[in-house]
């Protein structure tokens, strides 16, 4: 519900360049996740589901360094 409901505000985002999610919920995603374990679990599940189709190929194709830090900045 957190994410699909915000799609109702897609036109707002297209016109303004601002977050449809934040506009719909009148709050920042991270603040909602911080306050709601249900929202946090939904976010985690969505990220896993988005990654699952490509993670195996990524691990096979990319040689990760043996030291250092890997950060998701997207």
C-alpha atoms as a PDB file:
ATOM      1  CA  UNK A   1       0.000   0.000   0.000  1.00  0.00           C
ATOM      2  CA  UNK A   2       2.815   2.422   0.783  1.00  0.00           C
ATOM      3  CA  UNK A   3       4.289   2.261  -2.673  1.00  0.00           C
ATOM      4  CA  UNK A   4       1.407   1.480  -4.991  1.00  0.00           C
ATOM      5  CA  UNK A   5      -0.748   4.215  -3.485  1.00  0.00           C
ATOM      6  CA  UNK A   6       1.898   6.807  -4.305  1.00  0.00           C
ATOM      7  CA  UNK A   7       1.613   5.940  -8.014  1.00  0.00           C
ATOM      8  CA  UNK A   8      -1.627   7.930  -7.945  1.00  0.00           C
ATOM      9  CA  UNK A   9       0.614  10.992  -7.766  1.00  0.00           C
ATOM     10  CA  UNK A  10       2.745  10.145 -10.797  1.00  0.00           C
ATOM     11  CA  UNK A  11       1.439  13.176 -12.666  1.00  0.00           C
ATOM     12  CA  UNK A  12       2.553  15.370  -9.762  1.00  0.00           C
ATOM     13  CA  UNK A  13       6.081  13.996 -10.086  1.00  0.00           C
ATOM     14  CA  UNK A  14       6.121  14.419 -13.847  1.00  0.00           C
ATOM     15  CA  UNK A  15       5.026  18.043 -13.564  1.00  0.00           C
ATOM     16  CA  UNK A  16       7.192  19.053 -10.595  1.00  0.00           C
ATOM     17  CA  UNK A  17      10.096  16.605 -10.505  1.00  0.00           C
ATOM     18  CA  UNK A  18       9.327  16.068  -6.808  1.00  0.00           C
ATOM     19  CA  UNK A  19       8.660  12.776  -5.056  1.00  0.00           C
ATOM     20  CA  UNK A  20       5.183  11.340  -5.631  1.00  0.00           C
ATOM     21  CA  UNK A  21       5.674   9.166  -2.551  1.00  0.00           C
ATOM     22  CA  UNK A  22       6.436  12.114  -0.321  1.00  0.00           C
ATOM     23  CA  UNK A  23       3.607  14.154  -1.838  1.00  0.00           C
ATOM     24  CA  UNK A  24       1.062  11.377  -1.328  1.00  0.00           C
ATOM     25  CA  UNK A  25       2.122  10.445   2.195  1.00  0.00           C
ATOM     26  CA  UNK A  26       3.124  13.956   3.258  1.00  0.00           C
ATOM     27  CA  UNK A  27       6.226  12.402   4.745  1.00  0.00           C
ATOM     28  CA  UNK A  28       9.687  11.202   3.752  1.00  0.00           C
ATOM     29  CA  UNK A  29      10.069   7.488   2.937  1.00  0.00           C
ATOM     30  CA  UNK A  30      12.886   7.053   5.467  1.00  0.00           C
ATOM     31  CA  UNK A  31      10.873   8.629   8.275  1.00  0.00           C
ATOM     32  CA  UNK A  32       7.967   6.311   7.518  1.00  0.00           C
ATOM     33  CA  UNK A  33      10.288   3.294   7.484  1.00  0.00           C
ATOM     34  CA  UNK A  34      11.832   4.431  10.760  1.00  0.00           C
ATOM     35  CA  UNK A  35       8.399   4.593  12.423  1.00  0.00           C
ATOM     36  CA  UNK A  36       6.746   1.540  10.883  1.00  0.00           C
ATOM     37  CA  UNK A  37       8.113  -1.997  10.917  1.00  0.00           C
ATOM     38  CA  UNK A  38       5.451  -2.892   8.341  1.00  0.00           C
ATOM     39  CA  UNK A  39       6.741  -0.224   5.953  1.00  0.00           C
ATOM     40  CA  UNK A  40      10.339  -1.295   6.608  1.00  0.00           C
ATOM     41  CA  UNK A  41       9.524  -4.930   5.814  1.00  0.00           C
ATOM     42  CA  UNK A  42       7.644  -3.930   2.644  1.00  0.00           C
ATOM     43  CA  UNK A  43      10.646  -1.863   1.514  1.00  0.00           C
ATOM     44  CA  UNK A  44      13.087  -4.701   2.215  1.00  0.00           C
ATOM     45  CA  UNK A  45      10.886  -7.167   0.355  1.00  0.00           C
ATOM     46  CA  UNK A  46      10.622  -4.847  -2.648  1.00  0.00           C
ATOM     47  CA  UNK A  47      14.409  -4.384  -2.763  1.00  0.00           C
ATOM     48  CA  UNK A  48      14.983  -8.168  -2.564  1.00  0.00           C
ATOM     49  CA  UNK A  49      12.421  -8.795  -5.305  1.00  0.00           C
ATOM     50  CA  UNK A  50      14.010  -6.146  -7.543  1.00  0.00           C
ATOM     51  CA  UNK A  51      17.482  -7.596  -7.035  1.00  0.00           C
ATOM     52  CA  UNK A  52      16.708 -11.326  -7.213  1.00  0.00           C
ATOM     53  CA  UNK A  53      16.492 -11.556 -11.031  1.00  0.00           C
ATOM     54  CA  UNK A  54      19.982 -10.124 -11.547  1.00  0.00           C
ATOM     55  CA  UNK A  55      22.020 -11.002  -8.468  1.00  0.00           C
ATOM     56  CA  UNK A  56      23.253 -14.411  -9.682  1.00  0.00           C
ATOM     57  CA  UNK A  57      24.484 -13.023 -12.998  1.00  0.00           C
ATOM     58  CA  UNK A  58      26.054 -10.022 -11.278  1.00  0.00           C
ATOM     59  CA  UNK A  59      28.007 -12.284  -8.933  1.00  0.00           C
ATOM     60  CA  UNK A  60      29.199 -14.391 -11.871  1.00  0.00           C
ATOM     61  CA  UNK A  61      30.182 -11.486 -14.117  1.00  0.00           C
ATOM     62  CA  UNK A  62      31.710  -8.939 -11.746  1.00  0.00           C
ATOM     63  CA  UNK A  63      34.951  -9.511  -9.879  1.00  0.00           C
ATOM     64  CA  UNK A  64      34.518  -7.869  -6.525  1.00  0.00           C
ATOM     65  CA  UNK A  65      37.644  -6.634  -4.738  1.00  0.00           C
ATOM     66  CA  UNK A  66      38.856  -8.715  -1.804  1.00  0.00           C
ATOM     67  CA  UNK A  67      38.981  -5.690   0.485  1.00  0.00           C
ATOM     68  CA  UNK A  68      37.379  -2.278   0.733  1.00  0.00           C
ATOM     69  CA  UNK A  69      33.783  -1.158   0.939  1.00  0.00           C
ATOM     70  CA  UNK A  70      30.850  -1.820  -1.352  1.00  0.00           C
ATOM     71  CA  UNK A  71      28.133   0.824  -1.184  1.00  0.00           C
ATOM     72  CA  UNK A  72      24.768   1.103  -2.900  1.00  0.00           C
ATOM     73  CA  UNK A  73      24.515   4.783  -3.732  1.00  0.00           C
ATOM     74  CA  UNK A  74      21.479   4.505  -5.990  1.00  0.00           C
END
